[in-house]
Amino acid sequence: MASEAECCPLGVFKCQLCSVTAPYSYVGQKPPNTQAVVLLEESYVMKDPFTSGTDRFLVLGSRCSLCSRLVCVGPECSLFYSRRFCLPCVQDNISAFPREIQQDVDKRKGPKRPSSQPCP
C-alpha cells in the first residue's frame, strides 16, 4: 500500500526567483520509503516521476537560510554551502564565502553579452 506522502501531493512548490512550479509530496529531511537517506536541509521533495521505484525522489528546493525565500535547487537560483542560500543573498554577502564559492558564483553569472559590447 502506498503511503499518503508518496501518492498525494501536499501542495505546489514555487521558486520565488524563477517561478518554476512542481507538486511536492513531502517536506523535511527524511523522505518517505528511503532507508538511509537523511537530507542536510529541510527540503521540498517529490516522488521521481521518471522511475517506478518507491524509494526514488527529487529534491525541488528549500528555504534560503538567510532570508527564508523559497528557492529551487537550480544553479541560477541557489547554492548549498553547509546551508541553502538564494543567489541574491550570496551576492549580497559574497565576501563571507570561501574563494572557491566566490569563483563558482562568478562562473554562474557568465557573460550576458559579447565581451566586445560595452555595458550600458
N, C-alpha and C. Protein backbone atom coordinates (compact mmCIF):
# COMPACT_ATOMS: atom_id res chain seq x y z
N MET A 1 0.84 -1.19 0.00
CA MET A 1 0.00 0.00 0.00
C MET A 1 0.88 1.24 0.00
N ALA A 2 0.61 2.18 -0.88
CA ALA A 2 1.41 3.40 -0.99
C ALA A 2 1.11 4.32 0.18
N SER A 3 2.17 4.97 0.65
CA SER A 3 1.96 5.93 1.75
C SER A 3 1.28 7.18 1.21
N GLU A 4 0.61 7.90 2.10
CA GLU A 4 -0.10 9.12 1.68
C GLU A 4 0.87 10.14 1.10
N ALA A 5 2.07 10.26 1.69
CA ALA A 5 3.05 11.23 1.22
C ALA A 5 3.54 10.90 -0.18
N GLU A 6 3.51 9.61 -0.52
CA GLU A 6 4.01 9.19 -1.82
C GLU A 6 3.02 9.48 -2.95
N CYS A 7 1.72 9.31 -2.71
CA CYS A 7 0.75 9.39 -3.80
C CYS A 7 -0.04 10.69 -3.85
N CYS A 8 -0.10 11.42 -2.77
CA CYS A 8 -0.93 12.62 -2.72
C CYS A 8 -0.08 13.86 -2.50
N PRO A 9 -0.01 14.75 -3.48
CA PRO A 9 0.77 15.97 -3.27
C PRO A 9 0.23 16.79 -2.10
N LEU A 10 1.14 17.36 -1.33
CA LEU A 10 0.76 18.23 -0.22
C LEU A 10 0.46 19.64 -0.70
N GLY A 11 1.05 20.00 -1.82
CA GLY A 11 0.88 21.34 -2.36
C GLY A 11 1.75 21.51 -3.59
N VAL A 12 1.92 22.74 -4.00
CA VAL A 12 2.73 23.05 -5.17
C VAL A 12 3.91 23.92 -4.74
N PHE A 13 5.11 23.43 -5.02
CA PHE A 13 6.33 24.18 -4.75
C PHE A 13 6.47 25.24 -5.83
N LYS A 14 6.81 26.48 -5.44
CA LYS A 14 7.06 27.53 -6.43
C LYS A 14 8.30 28.30 -6.01
N CYS A 15 9.31 28.30 -6.87
CA CYS A 15 10.53 29.05 -6.61
C CYS A 15 10.21 30.54 -6.67
N GLN A 16 10.63 31.28 -5.66
CA GLN A 16 10.34 32.72 -5.62
C GLN A 16 11.30 33.53 -6.48
N LEU A 17 12.25 32.87 -7.13
CA LEU A 17 13.14 33.59 -8.05
C LEU A 17 12.80 33.31 -9.51
N CYS A 18 12.70 32.04 -9.89
CA CYS A 18 12.46 31.72 -11.30
C CYS A 18 11.02 31.30 -11.59
N SER A 19 10.21 31.14 -10.55
CA SER A 19 8.79 30.78 -10.66
C SER A 19 8.53 29.36 -11.15
N VAL A 20 9.54 28.50 -11.16
CA VAL A 20 9.29 27.10 -11.53
C VAL A 20 8.34 26.50 -10.49
N THR A 21 7.42 25.67 -10.96
CA THR A 21 6.45 25.05 -10.06
C THR A 21 6.46 23.54 -10.25
N ALA A 22 6.17 22.82 -9.18
CA ALA A 22 6.04 21.36 -9.22
C ALA A 22 5.30 20.91 -7.97
N PRO A 23 4.48 19.88 -8.09
CA PRO A 23 3.79 19.38 -6.90
C PRO A 23 4.79 18.68 -5.98
N TYR A 24 4.70 18.94 -4.69
CA TYR A 24 5.58 18.24 -3.74
C TYR A 24 4.75 17.32 -2.87
N SER A 25 5.39 16.23 -2.44
CA SER A 25 4.68 15.25 -1.63
C SER A 25 5.26 15.12 -0.23
N TYR A 26 6.35 15.84 0.05
CA TYR A 26 6.97 15.73 1.37
C TYR A 26 7.80 16.98 1.63
N VAL A 27 7.83 17.41 2.89
CA VAL A 27 8.72 18.49 3.33
C VAL A 27 9.44 17.97 4.56
N GLY A 28 10.77 17.98 4.52
CA GLY A 28 11.54 17.52 5.67
C GLY A 28 12.91 17.03 5.26
N GLN A 29 13.55 16.28 6.15
CA GLN A 29 14.90 15.79 5.91
C GLN A 29 14.97 14.29 5.66
N LYS A 30 13.89 13.56 5.89
CA LYS A 30 13.90 12.11 5.73
C LYS A 30 12.73 11.71 4.82
N PRO A 31 12.96 11.72 3.49
CA PRO A 31 11.87 11.38 2.57
C PRO A 31 11.30 9.99 2.86
N PRO A 32 10.00 9.81 2.62
CA PRO A 32 9.37 8.51 2.88
C PRO A 32 9.94 7.41 1.99
N ASN A 33 9.90 6.19 2.48
CA ASN A 33 10.34 5.00 1.75
C ASN A 33 11.83 4.99 1.42
N THR A 34 12.62 5.74 2.15
CA THR A 34 14.07 5.70 1.97
C THR A 34 14.69 5.08 3.21
N GLN A 35 15.68 4.25 3.01
CA GLN A 35 16.32 3.55 4.12
C GLN A 35 17.34 4.41 4.84
N ALA A 36 18.35 4.85 4.11
CA ALA A 36 19.48 5.51 4.76
C ALA A 36 19.69 6.95 4.29
N VAL A 37 18.65 7.58 3.77
CA VAL A 37 18.80 8.93 3.25
C VAL A 37 18.31 9.94 4.29
N VAL A 38 19.20 10.85 4.66
CA VAL A 38 18.83 11.97 5.50
C VAL A 38 19.39 13.21 4.81
N LEU A 39 18.51 14.11 4.40
CA LEU A 39 18.93 15.33 3.71
C LEU A 39 19.54 16.30 4.71
N LEU A 40 20.44 17.14 4.25
CA LEU A 40 21.13 18.09 5.12
C LEU A 40 20.31 19.34 5.41
N GLU A 41 19.17 19.46 4.77
CA GLU A 41 18.31 20.62 4.99
C GLU A 41 16.86 20.18 4.85
N GLU A 42 15.96 20.94 5.44
CA GLU A 42 14.54 20.67 5.26
C GLU A 42 14.19 21.02 3.81
N SER A 43 13.78 20.01 3.05
CA SER A 43 13.59 20.18 1.62
C SER A 43 12.17 19.84 1.18
N TYR A 44 11.78 20.44 0.07
CA TYR A 44 10.54 20.10 -0.60
C TYR A 44 10.89 19.00 -1.60
N VAL A 45 10.18 17.87 -1.51
CA VAL A 45 10.55 16.67 -2.26
C VAL A 45 9.33 16.14 -3.00
N MET A 46 9.59 15.56 -4.18
CA MET A 46 8.54 14.85 -4.90
C MET A 46 9.05 13.48 -5.29
N LYS A 47 8.14 12.53 -5.47
CA LYS A 47 8.50 11.21 -5.96
C LYS A 47 9.04 11.38 -7.38
N ASP A 48 10.10 10.65 -7.70
CA ASP A 48 10.70 10.75 -9.03
C ASP A 48 9.71 10.21 -10.07
N PRO A 49 9.20 11.07 -10.96
CA PRO A 49 8.22 10.61 -11.94
C PRO A 49 8.83 9.79 -13.07
N PHE A 50 10.17 9.72 -13.13
CA PHE A 50 10.84 9.02 -14.22
C PHE A 50 11.21 7.59 -13.87
N THR A 51 10.96 7.16 -12.63
CA THR A 51 11.28 5.80 -12.22
C THR A 51 10.06 5.17 -11.54
N SER A 52 10.06 3.85 -11.50
CA SER A 52 8.96 3.16 -10.84
C SER A 52 9.29 2.82 -9.39
N GLY A 53 10.55 3.00 -8.98
CA GLY A 53 10.94 2.69 -7.61
C GLY A 53 10.31 3.64 -6.61
N THR A 54 9.82 3.10 -5.50
CA THR A 54 9.18 3.95 -4.50
C THR A 54 10.20 4.70 -3.65
N ASP A 55 11.47 4.29 -3.72
CA ASP A 55 12.49 4.94 -2.90
C ASP A 55 13.22 6.05 -3.65
N ARG A 56 12.79 6.37 -4.85
CA ARG A 56 13.43 7.41 -5.66
C ARG A 56 12.67 8.72 -5.50
N PHE A 57 13.42 9.82 -5.37
CA PHE A 57 12.77 11.11 -5.17
C PHE A 57 13.61 12.21 -5.80
N LEU A 58 13.00 13.36 -5.98
CA LEU A 58 13.68 14.55 -6.49
C LEU A 58 13.55 15.65 -5.45
N VAL A 59 14.65 16.32 -5.17
CA VAL A 59 14.61 17.48 -4.28
C VAL A 59 14.30 18.69 -5.14
N LEU A 60 13.23 19.38 -4.83
CA LEU A 60 12.81 20.56 -5.60
C LEU A 60 13.49 21.82 -5.11
N GLY A 61 13.59 21.98 -3.80
CA GLY A 61 14.19 23.19 -3.25
C GLY A 61 13.98 23.26 -1.75
N SER A 62 14.31 24.42 -1.21
CA SER A 62 14.13 24.66 0.22
C SER A 62 14.17 26.17 0.46
N ARG A 63 14.17 26.56 1.71
CA ARG A 63 14.19 27.98 2.05
C ARG A 63 15.63 28.47 2.19
N CYS A 64 15.87 29.70 1.75
CA CYS A 64 17.17 30.34 1.93
C CYS A 64 17.39 30.48 3.44
N SER A 65 18.57 30.13 3.89
CA SER A 65 18.85 30.18 5.33
C SER A 65 19.01 31.61 5.85
N LEU A 66 19.13 32.59 4.96
CA LEU A 66 19.25 33.99 5.39
C LEU A 66 17.92 34.74 5.33
N CYS A 67 17.25 34.67 4.18
CA CYS A 67 16.03 35.48 4.01
C CYS A 67 14.74 34.67 4.03
N SER A 68 14.85 33.34 4.09
CA SER A 68 13.70 32.42 4.11
C SER A 68 12.91 32.38 2.81
N ARG A 69 13.47 32.93 1.74
CA ARG A 69 12.82 32.86 0.43
C ARG A 69 12.80 31.39 -0.02
N LEU A 70 11.71 30.94 -0.60
CA LEU A 70 11.59 29.59 -1.12
C LEU A 70 12.26 29.54 -2.49
N VAL A 71 13.33 28.75 -2.62
CA VAL A 71 14.09 28.71 -3.87
C VAL A 71 14.32 27.28 -4.33
N CYS A 72 14.37 27.10 -5.65
CA CYS A 72 14.65 25.79 -6.21
C CYS A 72 16.16 25.51 -6.13
N VAL A 73 16.52 24.27 -6.43
CA VAL A 73 17.93 23.88 -6.36
C VAL A 73 18.68 24.21 -7.65
N GLY A 74 18.03 24.85 -8.60
CA GLY A 74 18.68 25.23 -9.86
C GLY A 74 19.86 26.15 -9.62
N PRO A 75 20.94 25.98 -10.39
CA PRO A 75 22.15 26.78 -10.17
C PRO A 75 21.96 28.28 -10.40
N GLU A 76 20.91 28.68 -11.10
CA GLU A 76 20.66 30.10 -11.32
C GLU A 76 19.87 30.72 -10.17
N CYS A 77 19.40 29.88 -9.23
CA CYS A 77 18.58 30.39 -8.13
C CYS A 77 19.21 30.22 -6.75
N SER A 78 19.98 29.15 -6.54
CA SER A 78 20.51 28.92 -5.19
C SER A 78 21.78 28.09 -5.23
N LEU A 79 22.44 28.04 -4.08
CA LEU A 79 23.56 27.13 -3.90
C LEU A 79 23.51 26.59 -2.48
N PHE A 80 24.13 25.42 -2.32
CA PHE A 80 24.19 24.80 -1.00
C PHE A 80 25.64 24.82 -0.54
N TYR A 81 25.89 25.50 0.55
CA TYR A 81 27.20 25.51 1.19
C TYR A 81 26.95 25.42 2.69
N SER A 82 26.89 24.23 3.20
CA SER A 82 26.50 23.88 4.57
C SER A 82 25.03 24.20 4.86
N ARG A 83 24.47 25.15 4.16
CA ARG A 83 23.04 25.50 4.20
C ARG A 83 22.66 26.03 2.82
N ARG A 84 21.36 26.16 2.55
CA ARG A 84 20.88 26.69 1.27
C ARG A 84 20.89 28.21 1.31
N PHE A 85 21.38 28.82 0.24
CA PHE A 85 21.39 30.27 0.09
C PHE A 85 20.83 30.62 -1.28
N CYS A 86 19.94 31.61 -1.34
CA CYS A 86 19.49 32.10 -2.64
C CYS A 86 20.63 32.95 -3.21
N LEU A 87 20.71 33.03 -4.53
CA LEU A 87 21.82 33.78 -5.14
C LEU A 87 21.81 35.26 -4.79
N PRO A 88 20.64 35.93 -4.65
CA PRO A 88 20.70 37.33 -4.21
C PRO A 88 21.38 37.48 -2.84
N CYS A 89 21.11 36.57 -1.90
CA CYS A 89 21.77 36.64 -0.59
C CYS A 89 23.26 36.32 -0.70
N VAL A 90 23.60 35.38 -1.58
CA VAL A 90 25.02 35.07 -1.80
C VAL A 90 25.73 36.31 -2.32
N GLN A 91 25.15 36.96 -3.31
CA GLN A 91 25.78 38.14 -3.89
C GLN A 91 25.87 39.28 -2.89
N ASP A 92 24.87 39.44 -2.03
CA ASP A 92 24.91 40.48 -1.00
C ASP A 92 25.95 40.21 0.07
N ASN A 93 26.31 38.94 0.25
CA ASN A 93 27.25 38.55 1.31
C ASN A 93 28.45 37.79 0.75
N ILE A 94 28.82 38.07 -0.50
CA ILE A 94 29.83 37.27 -1.20
C ILE A 94 31.15 37.20 -0.45
N SER A 95 31.54 38.25 0.25
CA SER A 95 32.83 38.25 0.95
C SER A 95 32.85 37.27 2.13
N ALA A 96 31.69 36.84 2.60
CA ALA A 96 31.62 35.89 3.71
C ALA A 96 31.83 34.44 3.26
N PHE A 97 31.84 34.21 1.94
CA PHE A 97 32.00 32.86 1.40
C PHE A 97 33.46 32.60 1.02
N PRO A 98 33.88 31.34 1.04
CA PRO A 98 35.24 31.00 0.62
C PRO A 98 35.49 31.37 -0.83
N ARG A 99 36.74 31.54 -1.17
CA ARG A 99 37.13 31.95 -2.53
C ARG A 99 36.55 31.00 -3.59
N GLU A 100 36.53 29.70 -3.31
CA GLU A 100 36.02 28.73 -4.28
C GLU A 100 34.54 28.99 -4.59
N ILE A 101 33.78 29.33 -3.58
CA ILE A 101 32.36 29.65 -3.78
C ILE A 101 32.23 30.95 -4.56
N GLN A 102 33.05 31.93 -4.23
CA GLN A 102 33.02 33.21 -4.96
C GLN A 102 33.31 32.98 -6.44
N GLN A 103 34.29 32.13 -6.74
CA GLN A 103 34.63 31.84 -8.13
C GLN A 103 33.48 31.11 -8.83
N ASP A 104 32.85 30.18 -8.11
CA ASP A 104 31.71 29.45 -8.67
C ASP A 104 30.56 30.41 -9.00
N VAL A 105 30.30 31.35 -8.12
CA VAL A 105 29.23 32.34 -8.36
C VAL A 105 29.58 33.20 -9.56
N ASP A 106 30.84 33.59 -9.69
CA ASP A 106 31.26 34.38 -10.86
C ASP A 106 31.04 33.60 -12.15
N LYS A 107 31.32 32.30 -12.14
CA LYS A 107 31.11 31.46 -13.33
C LYS A 107 29.62 31.36 -13.66
N ARG A 108 28.79 31.28 -12.65
CA ARG A 108 27.34 31.16 -12.87
C ARG A 108 26.78 32.40 -13.55
N LYS A 109 27.32 33.56 -13.20
CA LYS A 109 26.83 34.80 -13.81
C LYS A 109 27.05 34.74 -15.31
N GLY A 110 28.28 34.35 -15.71
CA GLY A 110 28.59 34.23 -17.12
C GLY A 110 28.38 35.52 -17.88
N PRO A 111 28.99 35.63 -19.05
CA PRO A 111 28.78 36.84 -19.85
C PRO A 111 27.38 36.85 -20.44
N LYS A 112 26.65 37.90 -20.21
CA LYS A 112 25.29 38.05 -20.73
C LYS A 112 25.31 38.66 -22.13
N ARG A 113 26.42 39.29 -22.48
CA ARG A 113 26.56 39.92 -23.79
C ARG A 113 27.99 39.65 -24.28
N PRO A 114 28.23 39.77 -25.57
CA PRO A 114 29.59 39.58 -26.06
C PRO A 114 30.55 40.53 -25.35
N SER A 115 31.76 40.07 -25.08
CA SER A 115 32.72 40.88 -24.33
C SER A 115 33.09 42.17 -25.04
N SER A 116 32.89 42.24 -26.36
CA SER A 116 33.19 43.47 -27.10
C SER A 116 32.11 44.53 -26.93
N GLN A 117 30.96 44.12 -26.43
CA GLN A 117 29.85 45.05 -26.26
C GLN A 117 29.97 45.74 -24.89
N PRO A 118 30.01 47.07 -24.86
CA PRO A 118 30.16 47.78 -23.58
C PRO A 118 28.89 47.70 -22.74
N CYS A 119 29.07 47.91 -21.46
CA CYS A 119 27.93 47.97 -20.54
C CYS A 119 27.15 49.26 -20.82
N PRO A 120 25.84 49.24 -20.64
CA PRO A 120 25.05 50.45 -20.89
C PRO A 120 25.32 51.52 -19.85
